[in-house]
Amino acid sequence: KGYPLDPRKGDAISGLPANAADACVFHAGTAPAEGAPVTAGGR
């Protein structure tokens, strides 16, 4: 939220699927946190 000028950080991310042979979710603006990663950047 707020990207590109003022992205918000710290929102919990849920529903991330396991990587498959034909699909991957690559992280960019994330940080590890207890329970689930959180947003840590614009993209």
PDB file of all heavy atoms in Angstrom:
ATOM      1  N   LYS A   1       0.847  -1.190   0.000  1.00  0.00           N
ATOM      2  CA  LYS A   1       0.000   0.000   0.000  1.00  0.00           C
ATOM      3  C   LYS A   1       0.888   1.247   0.000  1.00  0.00           C
ATOM      4  O   LYS A   1       1.866   1.328   0.730  1.00  0.00           O
ATOM      5  CB  LYS A   1      -0.894   0.010   1.252  1.00  0.00           C
ATOM      6  CG  LYS A   1      -1.846   1.209   1.341  1.00  0.00           C
ATOM      7  CD  LYS A   1      -2.699   1.115   2.589  1.00  0.00           C
ATOM      8  CE  LYS A   1      -3.582   2.343   2.749  1.00  0.00           C
ATOM      9  NZ  LYS A   1      -4.537   2.497   1.614  1.00  0.00           N
ATOM     10  N   GLY A   2       0.564   2.218  -0.854  1.00  0.00           N
ATOM     11  CA  GLY A   2       1.325   3.461  -0.914  1.00  0.00           C
ATOM     12  C   GLY A   2       2.468   3.466  -1.907  1.00  0.00           C
ATOM     13  O   GLY A   2       3.062   4.511  -2.172  1.00  0.00           O
ATOM     14  N   TYR A   3       2.817   2.290  -2.454  1.00  0.00           N
ATOM     15  CA  TYR A   3       3.896   2.233  -3.448  1.00  0.00           C
ATOM     16  C   TYR A   3       3.442   2.974  -4.704  1.00  0.00           C
ATOM     17  O   TYR A   3       2.277   2.904  -5.073  1.00  0.00           O
ATOM     18  CB  TYR A   3       4.218   0.763  -3.773  1.00  0.00           C
ATOM     19  CG  TYR A   3       5.300   0.560  -4.807  1.00  0.00           C
ATOM     20  CD1 TYR A   3       6.632   0.765  -4.474  1.00  0.00           C
ATOM     21  CD2 TYR A   3       4.991   0.183  -6.104  1.00  0.00           C
ATOM     22  CE1 TYR A   3       7.635   0.583  -5.422  1.00  0.00           C
ATOM     23  CE2 TYR A   3       5.982   0.006  -7.053  1.00  0.00           C
ATOM     24  CZ  TYR A   3       7.295   0.204  -6.709  1.00  0.00           C
ATOM     25  OH  TYR A   3       8.280   0.024  -7.647  1.00  0.00           O
ATOM     26  N   PRO A   4       4.302   3.761  -5.405  1.00  0.00           N
ATOM     27  CA  PRO A   4       5.762   3.820  -5.259  1.00  0.00           C
ATOM     28  C   PRO A   4       6.313   4.915  -4.349  1.00  0.00           C
ATOM     29  O   PRO A   4       7.489   4.876  -4.013  1.00  0.00           O
ATOM     30  CB  PRO A   4       6.216   4.076  -6.704  1.00  0.00           C
ATOM     31  CG  PRO A   4       5.119   4.884  -7.300  1.00  0.00           C
ATOM     32  CD  PRO A   4       3.844   4.369  -6.674  1.00  0.00           C
ATOM     33  N   LEU A   5       5.518   5.920  -3.971  1.00  0.00           N
ATOM     34  CA  LEU A   5       6.096   7.051  -3.247  1.00  0.00           C
ATOM     35  C   LEU A   5       6.206   6.811  -1.750  1.00  0.00           C
ATOM     36  O   LEU A   5       7.171   7.251  -1.117  1.00  0.00           O
ATOM     37  CB  LEU A   5       5.254   8.317  -3.505  1.00  0.00           C
ATOM     38  CG  LEU A   5       5.342   8.901  -4.921  1.00  0.00           C
ATOM     39  CD1 LEU A   5       4.483  10.146  -5.034  1.00  0.00           C
ATOM     40  CD2 LEU A   5       6.793   9.224  -5.288  1.00  0.00           C
ATOM     41  N   ASP A   6       5.254   6.108  -1.144  1.00  0.00           N
ATOM     42  CA  ASP A   6       5.257   5.971   0.312  1.00  0.00           C
ATOM     43  C   ASP A   6       4.758   4.591   0.719  1.00  0.00           C
ATOM     44  O   ASP A   6       3.680   4.451   1.296  1.00  0.00           O
ATOM     45  CB  ASP A   6       4.366   7.066   0.930  1.00  0.00           C
ATOM     46  CG  ASP A   6       4.486   7.125   2.437  1.00  0.00           C
ATOM     47  OD1 ASP A   6       5.530   6.681   2.967  1.00  0.00           O
ATOM     48  OD2 ASP A   6       3.538   7.591   3.092  1.00  0.00           O
ATOM     49  N   PRO A   7       5.534   3.533   0.425  1.00  0.00           N
ATOM     50  CA  PRO A   7       5.070   2.179   0.732  1.00  0.00           C
ATOM     51  C   PRO A   7       4.985   1.914   2.229  1.00  0.00           C
ATOM     52  O   PRO A   7       5.861   2.313   2.989  1.00  0.00           O
ATOM     53  CB  PRO A   7       6.125   1.288   0.070  1.00  0.00           C
ATOM     54  CG  PRO A   7       7.351   2.142  -0.024  1.00  0.00           C
ATOM     55  CD  PRO A   7       6.866   3.540  -0.220  1.00  0.00           C
ATOM     56  N   ARG A   8       3.909   1.231   2.611  1.00  0.00           N
ATOM     57  CA  ARG A   8       3.725   0.869   4.017  1.00  0.00           C
ATOM     58  C   ARG A   8       4.451  -0.448   4.296  1.00  0.00           C
ATOM     59  O   ARG A   8       4.470  -1.350   3.463  1.00  0.00           O
ATOM     60  CB  ARG A   8       2.232   0.720   4.308  1.00  0.00           C
ATOM     61  CG  ARG A   8       1.911   0.585   5.790  1.00  0.00           C
ATOM     62  CD  ARG A   8       0.418   0.671   6.022  1.00  0.00           C
ATOM     63  NE  ARG A   8      -0.285  -0.529   5.571  1.00  0.00           N
ATOM     64  CZ  ARG A   8      -1.607  -0.616   5.478  1.00  0.00           C
ATOM     65  NH1 ARG A   8      -2.355   0.434   5.761  1.00  0.00           N
ATOM     66  NH2 ARG A   8      -2.174  -1.749   5.087  1.00  0.00           N
ATOM     67  N   LYS A   9       5.007  -0.576   5.484  1.00  0.00           N
ATOM     68  CA  LYS A   9       5.743  -1.778   5.866  1.00  0.00           C
ATOM     69  C   LYS A   9       5.123  -2.403   7.113  1.00  0.00           C
ATOM     70  O   LYS A   9       4.411  -1.737   7.863  1.00  0.00           O
ATOM     71  CB  LYS A   9       7.219  -1.439   6.131  1.00  0.00           C
ATOM     72  CG  LYS A   9       7.938  -0.836   4.932  1.00  0.00           C
ATOM     73  CD  LYS A   9       9.373  -0.483   5.258  1.00  0.00           C
ATOM     74  CE  LYS A   9      10.064   0.155   4.054  1.00  0.00           C
ATOM     75  NZ  LYS A   9      11.482   0.512   4.342  1.00  0.00           N
ATOM     76  N   GLY A  10       5.402  -3.687   7.302  1.00  0.00           N
ATOM     77  CA  GLY A  10       4.991  -4.357   8.515  1.00  0.00           C
ATOM     78  C   GLY A  10       3.700  -5.134   8.432  1.00  0.00           C
ATOM     79  O   GLY A  10       3.253  -5.698   9.440  1.00  0.00           O
ATOM     80  N   ASP A  11       3.074  -5.210   7.250  1.00  0.00           N
ATOM     81  CA  ASP A  11       1.841  -5.984   7.108  1.00  0.00           C
ATOM     82  C   ASP A  11       2.162  -7.469   6.961  1.00  0.00           C
ATOM     83  O   ASP A  11       3.028  -7.854   6.166  1.00  0.00           O
ATOM     84  CB  ASP A  11       1.055  -5.508   5.877  1.00  0.00           C
ATOM     85  CG  ASP A  11       0.478  -4.119   6.063  1.00  0.00           C
ATOM     86  OD1 ASP A  11      -0.164  -3.887   7.110  1.00  0.00           O
ATOM     87  OD2 ASP A  11       0.663  -3.260   5.181  1.00  0.00           O
ATOM     88  N   ALA A  12       1.442  -8.319   7.711  1.00  0.00           N
ATOM     89  CA  ALA A  12       1.658  -9.764   7.663  1.00  0.00           C
ATOM     90  C   ALA A  12       1.191 -10.330   6.328  1.00  0.00           C
ATOM     91  O   ALA A  12       0.159  -9.913   5.785  1.00  0.00           O
ATOM     92  CB  ALA A  12       0.919 -10.442   8.800  1.00  0.00           C
ATOM     93  N   ILE A  13       1.932 -11.285   5.807  1.00  0.00           N
ATOM     94  CA  ILE A  13       1.626 -11.920   4.513  1.00  0.00           C
ATOM     95  C   ILE A  13       1.127 -13.336   4.786  1.00  0.00           C
ATOM     96  O   ILE A  13       1.794 -14.121   5.481  1.00  0.00           O
ATOM     97  CB  ILE A  13       2.873 -11.964   3.610  1.00  0.00           C
ATOM     98  CG1 ILE A  13       3.456 -10.559   3.419  1.00  0.00           C
ATOM     99  CG2 ILE A  13       2.536 -12.594   2.259  1.00  0.00           C
ATOM    100  CD1 ILE A  13       4.848 -10.552   2.818  1.00  0.00           C
ATOM    101  N   SER A  14      -0.016 -13.683   4.220  1.00  0.00           N
ATOM    102  CA  SER A  14      -0.567 -15.021   4.418  1.00  0.00           C
ATOM    103  C   SER A  14      -0.899 -15.653   3.073  1.00  0.00           C
ATOM    104  O   SER A  14      -0.992 -14.971   2.053  1.00  0.00           O
ATOM    105  CB  SER A  14      -1.826 -14.965   5.294  1.00  0.00           C
ATOM    106  OG  SER A  14      -2.848 -14.206   4.658  1.00  0.00           O
ATOM    107  N   GLY A  15      -1.099 -16.981   3.104  1.00  0.00           N
ATOM    108  CA  GLY A  15      -1.523 -17.690   1.900  1.00  0.00           C
ATOM    109  C   GLY A  15      -0.419 -17.988   0.909  1.00  0.00           C
ATOM    110  O   GLY A  15      -0.705 -18.322  -0.248  1.00  0.00           O
ATOM    111  N   LEU A  16       0.828 -17.899   1.324  1.00  0.00           N
ATOM    112  CA  LEU A  16       1.930 -18.168   0.397  1.00  0.00           C
ATOM    113  C   LEU A  16       1.955 -19.661   0.045  1.00  0.00           C
ATOM    114  O   LEU A  16       2.043 -20.511   0.929  1.00  0.00           O
ATOM    115  CB  LEU A  16       3.268 -17.762   1.016  1.00  0.00           C
ATOM    116  CG  LEU A  16       3.520 -16.254   1.120  1.00  0.00           C
ATOM    117  CD1 LEU A  16       4.714 -15.977   2.021  1.00  0.00           C
ATOM    118  CD2 LEU A  16       3.744 -15.659  -0.272  1.00  0.00           C
ATOM    119  N   PRO A  17       1.900 -19.998  -1.243  1.00  0.00           N
ATOM    120  CA  PRO A  17       1.902 -21.411  -1.626  1.00  0.00           C
ATOM    121  C   PRO A  17       3.325 -21.972  -1.661  1.00  0.00           C
ATOM    122  O   PRO A  17       4.305 -21.231  -1.754  1.00  0.00           O
ATOM    123  CB  PRO A  17       1.307 -21.373  -3.040  1.00  0.00           C
ATOM    124  CG  PRO A  17       1.767 -20.044  -3.583  1.00  0.00           C
ATOM    125  CD  PRO A  17       1.773 -19.102  -2.409  1.00  0.00           C
ATOM    126  N   ALA A  18       3.420 -23.275  -1.592  1.00  0.00           N
ATOM    127  CA  ALA A  18       4.717 -23.931  -1.787  1.00  0.00           C
ATOM    128  C   ALA A  18       5.105 -23.801  -3.256  1.00  0.00           C
ATOM    129  O   ALA A  18       4.245 -23.782  -4.143  1.00  0.00           O
ATOM    130  CB  ALA A  18       4.625 -25.393  -1.387  1.00  0.00           C
ATOM    131  N   ASN A  19       6.398 -23.687  -3.515  1.00  0.00           N
ATOM    132  CA  ASN A  19       6.854 -23.628  -4.903  1.00  0.00           C
ATOM    133  C   ASN A  19       6.562 -24.941  -5.614  1.00  0.00           C
ATOM    134  O   ASN A  19       6.586 -26.018  -5.010  1.00  0.00           O
ATOM    135  CB  ASN A  19       8.355 -23.328  -4.957  1.00  0.00           C
ATOM    136  CG  ASN A  19       8.666 -21.876  -4.628  1.00  0.00           C
ATOM    137  OD1 ASN A  19       7.801 -21.018  -4.693  1.00  0.00           O
ATOM    138  ND2 ASN A  19       9.911 -21.600  -4.273  1.00  0.00           N
ATOM    139  N   ALA A  20       6.268 -24.842  -6.902  1.00  0.00           N
ATOM    140  CA  ALA A  20       5.980 -26.010  -7.723  1.00  0.00           C
ATOM    141  C   ALA A  20       6.901 -26.009  -8.926  1.00  0.00           C
ATOM    142  O   ALA A  20       7.651 -25.047  -9.158  1.00  0.00           O
ATOM    143  CB  ALA A  20       4.512 -25.992  -8.165  1.00  0.00           C
ATOM    144  N   ALA A  21       6.851 -27.080  -9.707  1.00  0.00           N
ATOM    145  CA  ALA A  21       7.721 -27.173 -10.885  1.00  0.00           C
ATOM    146  C   ALA A  21       7.426 -26.071 -11.894  1.00  0.00           C
ATOM    147  O   ALA A  21       8.315 -25.651 -12.629  1.00  0.00           O
ATOM    148  CB  ALA A  21       7.552 -28.541 -11.536  1.00  0.00           C
ATOM    149  N   ASP A  22       6.174 -25.604 -11.926  1.00  0.00           N
ATOM    150  CA  ASP A  22       5.797 -24.601 -12.919  1.00  0.00           C
ATOM    151  C   ASP A  22       5.451 -23.254 -12.303  1.00  0.00           C
ATOM    152  O   ASP A  22       4.923 -22.374 -12.993  1.00  0.00           O
ATOM    153  CB  ASP A  22       4.611 -25.093 -13.755  1.00  0.00           C
ATOM    154  CG  ASP A  22       3.339 -25.267 -12.921  1.00  0.00           C
ATOM    155  OD1 ASP A  22       3.437 -25.272 -11.670  1.00  0.00           O
ATOM    156  OD2 ASP A  22       2.258 -25.382 -13.523  1.00  0.00           O
ATOM    157  N   ALA A  23       5.742 -23.048 -11.023  1.00  0.00           N
ATOM    158  CA  ALA A  23       5.389 -21.779 -10.391  1.00  0.00           C
ATOM    159  C   ALA A  23       6.216 -21.546  -9.139  1.00  0.00           C
ATOM    160  O   ALA A  23       6.460 -22.467  -8.360  1.00  0.00           O
ATOM    161  CB  ALA A  23       3.902 -21.763 -10.040  1.00  0.00           C
ATOM    162  N   CYS A  24       6.641 -20.296  -8.950  1.00  0.00           N
ATOM    163  CA  CYS A  24       7.395 -19.890  -7.766  1.00  0.00           C
ATOM    164  C   CYS A  24       6.950 -18.496  -7.342  1.00  0.00           C
ATOM    165  O   CYS A  24       6.669 -17.648  -8.194  1.00  0.00           O
ATOM    166  CB  CYS A  24       8.895 -19.855  -8.040  1.00  0.00           C
ATOM    167  SG  CYS A  24       9.664 -21.459  -8.254  1.00  0.00           S
ATOM    168  N   VAL A  25       6.928 -18.268  -6.044  1.00  0.00           N
ATOM    169  CA  VAL A  25       6.691 -16.926  -5.522  1.00  0.00           C
ATOM    170  C   VAL A  25       8.025 -16.401  -5.011  1.00  0.00           C
ATOM    171  O   VAL A  25       8.569 -16.901  -4.017  1.00  0.00           O
ATOM    172  CB  VAL A  25       5.646 -16.929  -4.394  1.00  0.00           C
ATOM    173  CG1 VAL A  25       5.456 -15.513  -3.853  1.00  0.00           C
ATOM    174  CG2 VAL A  25       4.315 -17.484  -4.909  1.00  0.00           C
ATOM    175  N   PHE A  26       8.569 -15.417  -5.722  1.00  0.00           N
ATOM    176  CA  PHE A  26       9.857 -14.837  -5.334  1.00  0.00           C
ATOM    177  C   PHE A  26       9.604 -13.616  -4.443  1.00  0.00           C
ATOM    178  O   PHE A  26       8.788 -12.750  -4.769  1.00  0.00           O
ATOM    179  CB  PHE A  26      10.658 -14.433  -6.569  1.00  0.00           C
ATOM    180  CG  PHE A  26      11.065 -15.608  -7.413  1.00  0.00           C
ATOM    181  CD1 PHE A  26      10.482 -15.829  -8.658  1.00  0.00           C
ATOM    182  CD2 PHE A  26      12.019 -16.506  -6.974  1.00  0.00           C
ATOM    183  CE1 PHE A  26      10.839 -16.911  -9.440  1.00  0.00           C
ATOM    184  CE2 PHE A  26      12.390 -17.596  -7.734  1.00  0.00           C
ATOM    185  CZ  PHE A  26      11.794 -17.800  -8.976  1.00  0.00           C
ATOM    186  N   HIS A  27      10.319 -13.571  -3.318  1.00  0.00           N
ATOM    187  CA  HIS A  27      10.164 -12.469  -2.375  1.00  0.00           C
ATOM    188  C   HIS A  27      11.064 -11.303  -2.769  1.00  0.00           C
ATOM    189  O   HIS A  27      12.170 -11.503  -3.273  1.00  0.00           O
ATOM    190  CB  HIS A  27      10.532 -12.923  -0.967  1.00  0.00           C
ATOM    191  CG  HIS A  27       9.555 -13.880  -0.361  1.00  0.00           C
ATOM    192  ND1 HIS A  27       8.993 -13.697   0.888  1.00  0.00           N
ATOM    193  CD2 HIS A  27       9.022 -15.051  -0.832  1.00  0.00           C
ATOM    194  CE1 HIS A  27       8.179 -14.703   1.167  1.00  0.00           C
ATOM    195  NE2 HIS A  27       8.188 -15.539   0.133  1.00  0.00           N
ATOM    196  N   ALA A  28      10.581 -10.098  -2.503  1.00  0.00           N
ATOM    197  CA  ALA A  28      11.374  -8.894  -2.746  1.00  0.00           C
ATOM    198  C   ALA A  28      11.381  -8.068  -1.460  1.00  0.00           C
ATOM    199  O   ALA A  28      12.314  -8.153  -0.667  1.00  0.00           O
ATOM    200  CB  ALA A  28      10.813  -8.111  -3.920  1.00  0.00           C
ATOM    201  N   GLY A  29      10.313  -7.291  -1.227  1.00  0.00           N
ATOM    202  CA  GLY A  29      10.238  -6.481  -0.020  1.00  0.00           C
ATOM    203  C   GLY A  29       9.565  -7.221   1.110  1.00  0.00           C
ATOM    204  O   GLY A  29       8.453  -6.877   1.523  1.00  0.00           O
ATOM    205  N   THR A  30      10.224  -8.258   1.634  1.00  0.00           N
ATOM    206  CA  THR A  30       9.708  -8.997   2.785  1.00  0.00           C
ATOM    207  C   THR A  30      10.800  -9.161   3.827  1.00  0.00           C
ATOM    208  O   THR A  30      11.990  -9.093   3.518  1.00  0.00           O
ATOM    209  CB  THR A  30       9.188 -10.403   2.392  1.00  0.00           C
ATOM    210  OG1 THR A  30      10.304 -11.255   2.069  1.00  0.00           O
ATOM    211  CG2 THR A  30       8.229 -10.342   1.218  1.00  0.00           C
ATOM    212  N   ALA A  31      10.361  -9.386   5.059  1.00  0.00           N
ATOM    213  CA  ALA A  31      11.292  -9.662   6.150  1.00  0.00           C
ATOM    214  C   ALA A  31      10.742 -10.815   6.966  1.00  0.00           C
ATOM    215  O   ALA A  31       9.521 -10.950   7.111  1.00  0.00           O
ATOM    216  CB  ALA A  31      11.461  -8.423   7.032  1.00  0.00           C
ATOM    217  N   PRO A  32      11.606 -11.672   7.498  1.00  0.00           N
ATOM    218  CA  PRO A  32      11.114 -12.766   8.335  1.00  0.00           C
ATOM    219  C   PRO A  32      10.523 -12.221   9.631  1.00  0.00           C
ATOM    220  O   PRO A  32      10.994 -11.223  10.180  1.00  0.00           O
ATOM    221  CB  PRO A  32      12.366 -13.610   8.596  1.00  0.00           C
ATOM    222  CG  PRO A  32      13.520 -12.687   8.365  1.00  0.00           C
ATOM    223  CD  PRO A  32      13.067 -11.678   7.359  1.00  0.00           C
ATOM    224  N   ALA A  33       9.475 -12.858  10.095  1.00  0.00           N
ATOM    225  CA  ALA A  33       8.852 -12.492  11.366  1.00  0.00           C
ATOM    226  C   ALA A  33       8.241 -13.747  11.954  1.00  0.00           C
ATOM    227  O   ALA A  33       8.039 -14.747  11.258  1.00  0.00           O
ATOM    228  CB  ALA A  33       7.784 -11.411  11.169  1.00  0.00           C
ATOM    229  N   GLU A  34       7.930 -13.709  13.250  1.00  0.00           N
ATOM    230  CA  GLU A  34       7.375 -14.877  13.903  1.00  0.00           C
ATOM    231  C   GLU A  34       6.010 -15.216  13.316  1.00  0.00           C
ATOM    232  O   GLU A  34       5.119 -14.370  13.255  1.00  0.00           O
ATOM    233  CB  GLU A  34       7.242 -14.614  15.406  1.00  0.00           C
ATOM    234  CG  GLU A  34       6.907 -15.856  16.208  1.00  0.00           C
ATOM    235  CD  GLU A  34       6.962 -15.614  17.708  1.00  0.00           C
ATOM    236  OE1 GLU A  34       7.586 -14.614  18.121  1.00  0.00           O
ATOM    237  OE2 GLU A  34       6.382 -16.429  18.446  1.00  0.00           O
ATOM    238  N   GLY A  35       5.864 -16.423  12.823  1.00  0.00           N
ATOM    239  CA  GLY A  35       4.585 -16.857  12.273  1.00  0.00           C
ATOM    240  C   GLY A  35       4.473 -16.697  10.778  1.00  0.00           C
ATOM    241  O   GLY A  35       4.063 -17.613  10.077  1.00  0.00           O
ATOM    242  N   ALA A  36       4.818 -15.527  10.259  1.00  0.00           N
ATOM    243  CA  ALA A  36       4.679 -15.275   8.818  1.00  0.00           C
ATOM    244  C   ALA A  36       5.557 -14.094   8.435  1.00  0.00           C
ATOM    245  O   ALA A  36       5.799 -13.209   9.253  1.00  0.00           O
ATOM    246  CB  ALA A  36       3.222 -14.978   8.466  1.00  0.00           C
ATOM    247  N   PRO A  37       6.053 -14.058   7.186  1.00  0.00           N
ATOM    248  CA  PRO A  37       6.831 -12.895   6.769  1.00  0.00           C
ATOM    249  C   PRO A  37       5.957 -11.647   6.717  1.00  0.00           C
ATOM    250  O   PRO A  37       4.724 -11.736   6.614  1.00  0.00           O
ATOM    251  CB  PRO A  37       7.332 -13.289   5.372  1.00  0.00           C
ATOM    252  CG  PRO A  37       6.370 -14.329   4.902  1.00  0.00           C
ATOM    253  CD  PRO A  37       5.910 -15.052   6.115  1.00  0.00           C
ATOM    254  N   VAL A  38       6.594 -10.489   6.779  1.00  0.00           N
ATOM    255  CA  VAL A  38       5.874  -9.216   6.712  1.00  0.00           C
ATOM    256  C   VAL A  38       6.431  -8.380   5.580  1.00  0.00           C
ATOM    257  O   VAL A  38       7.558  -8.597   5.107  1.00  0.00           O
ATOM    258  CB  VAL A  38       5.971  -8.435   8.044  1.00  0.00           C
ATOM    259  CG1 VAL A  38       5.337  -9.224   9.183  1.00  0.00           C
ATOM    260  CG2 VAL A  38       7.436  -8.099   8.370  1.00  0.00           C
ATOM    261  N   THR A  39       5.636  -7.411   5.131  1.00  0.00           N
ATOM    262  CA  THR A  39       6.086  -6.516   4.073  1.00  0.00           C
ATOM    263  C   THR A  39       7.205  -5.623   4.607  1.00  0.00           C
ATOM    264  O   THR A  39       7.168  -5.157   5.735  1.00  0.00           O
ATOM    265  CB  THR A  39       4.939  -5.649   3.542  1.00  0.00           C
ATOM    266  OG1 THR A  39       4.432  -4.828   4.609  1.00  0.00           O
ATOM    267  CG2 THR A  39       3.803  -6.511   3.008  1.00  0.00           C
ATOM    268  N   ALA A  40       8.222  -5.403   3.766  1.00  0.00           N
ATOM    269  CA  ALA A  40       9.383  -4.607   4.193  1.00  0.00           C
ATOM    270  C   ALA A  40       9.898  -3.733   3.060  1.00  0.00           C
ATOM    271  O   ALA A  40      11.035  -3.270   3.103  1.00  0.00           O
ATOM    272  CB  ALA A  40      10.493  -5.529   4.694  1.00  0.00           C
ATOM    273  N   GLY A  41       9.080  -3.502   2.053  1.00  0.00           N
ATOM    274  CA  GLY A  41       9.509  -2.683   0.919  1.00  0.00           C
ATOM    275  C   GLY A  41       8.337  -2.418   0.003  1.00  0.00           C
ATOM    276  O   GLY A  41       7.207  -2.865   0.250  1.00  0.00           O
ATOM    277  N   GLY A  42       8.607  -1.707  -1.084  1.00  0.00           N
ATOM    278  CA  GLY A  42       7.541  -1.328  -2.004  1.00  0.00           C
ATOM    279  C   GLY A  42       6.991  -2.483  -2.812  1.00  0.00           C
ATOM    280  O   GLY A  42       5.795  -2.769  -2.809  1.00  0.00           O
ATOM    281  N   ARG A  43       7.880  -3.151  -3.533  1.00  0.00           N
ATOM    282  CA  ARG A  43       7.469  -4.345  -4.273  1.00  0.00           C
ATOM    283  C   ARG A  43       7.723  -5.540  -3.362  1.00  0.00           C
ATOM    284  O   ARG A  43       8.858  -5.797  -2.965  1.00  0.00           O
ATOM    285  CB  ARG A  43       8.242  -4.436  -5.586  1.00  0.00           C
ATOM    286  CG  ARG A  43       7.841  -3.324  -6.563  1.00  0.00           C
ATOM    287  CD  ARG A  43       8.558  -3.445  -7.881  1.00  0.00           C
ATOM    288  NE  ARG A  43       9.988  -3.247  -7.740  1.00  0.00           N
ATOM    289  CZ  ARG A  43      10.885  -3.589  -8.661  1.00  0.00           C
ATOM    290  NH1 ARG A  43      10.486  -4.150  -9.787  1.00  0.00           N
ATOM    291  NH2 ARG A  43      12.170  -3.374  -8.465  1.00  0.00           N
TER     292      ARG A  43
END
